[in-house]
Amino acid sequence: MRSLGPLVGAVANTFMMVYYQAETGLATRADFQEAMRALRQACD
């Protein structure tokens, strides 16, 4: 059984990026792409 730690971390980082965008409007496309890359990597 794999550890859920990396997935939980990736989900938390994605949530924070979305929250940052909602609060400031300053998140970039690169920020979103990095968050999605981390989620995909954690799911592999």
Protein backbone atom coordinates (compact mmCIF):
# COMPACT_ATOMS: atom_id res chain seq x y z
CA MET A 1 0.00 0.00 0.00
CA ARG A 2 1.36 3.40 -0.97
CA SER A 3 1.64 6.29 1.42
CA LEU A 4 -1.01 8.97 1.08
CA GLY A 5 1.42 11.68 2.19
CA PRO A 6 2.49 12.86 -1.29
CA LEU A 7 -1.11 12.94 -2.52
CA VAL A 8 -2.32 14.85 0.53
CA GLY A 9 0.50 17.35 0.09
CA ALA A 10 -0.29 17.83 -3.60
CA VAL A 11 -4.00 18.33 -2.88
CA ALA A 12 -3.19 20.85 -0.14
CA ASN A 13 -0.84 22.77 -2.44
CA THR A 14 -3.47 22.85 -5.18
CA PHE A 15 -6.07 24.12 -2.72
CA MET A 16 -3.70 26.86 -1.56
CA MET A 17 -2.98 27.89 -5.16
CA VAL A 18 -6.72 28.15 -5.92
CA TYR A 19 -7.29 30.09 -2.68
CA TYR A 20 -4.39 32.44 -3.52
CA GLN A 21 -5.91 33.06 -6.98
CA ALA A 22 -9.32 33.74 -5.46
CA GLU A 23 -7.91 36.16 -2.89
CA THR A 24 -5.33 38.01 -4.99
CA GLY A 25 -5.88 37.17 -8.64
CA LEU A 26 -2.10 36.80 -8.92
CA ALA A 27 -1.72 33.07 -9.50
CA THR A 28 -0.21 32.39 -12.90
CA ARG A 29 -0.86 29.71 -15.47
CA ALA A 30 2.53 28.27 -14.48
CA ASP A 31 1.37 28.04 -10.84
CA PHE A 32 -1.70 26.09 -11.92
CA GLN A 33 0.33 23.84 -14.23
CA GLU A 34 2.82 23.08 -11.44
CA ALA A 35 0.00 22.21 -9.05
CA MET A 36 -1.56 19.88 -11.62
CA ARG A 37 1.82 18.28 -12.38
CA ALA A 38 2.33 17.57 -8.69
CA LEU A 39 -1.14 16.02 -8.44
CA ARG A 40 -0.52 13.79 -11.45
CA GLN A 41 2.87 12.74 -10.11
CA ALA A 42 1.39 11.93 -6.68
CA CYS A 43 -1.27 9.74 -8.33
CA ASP A 44 1.22 7.71 -10.40
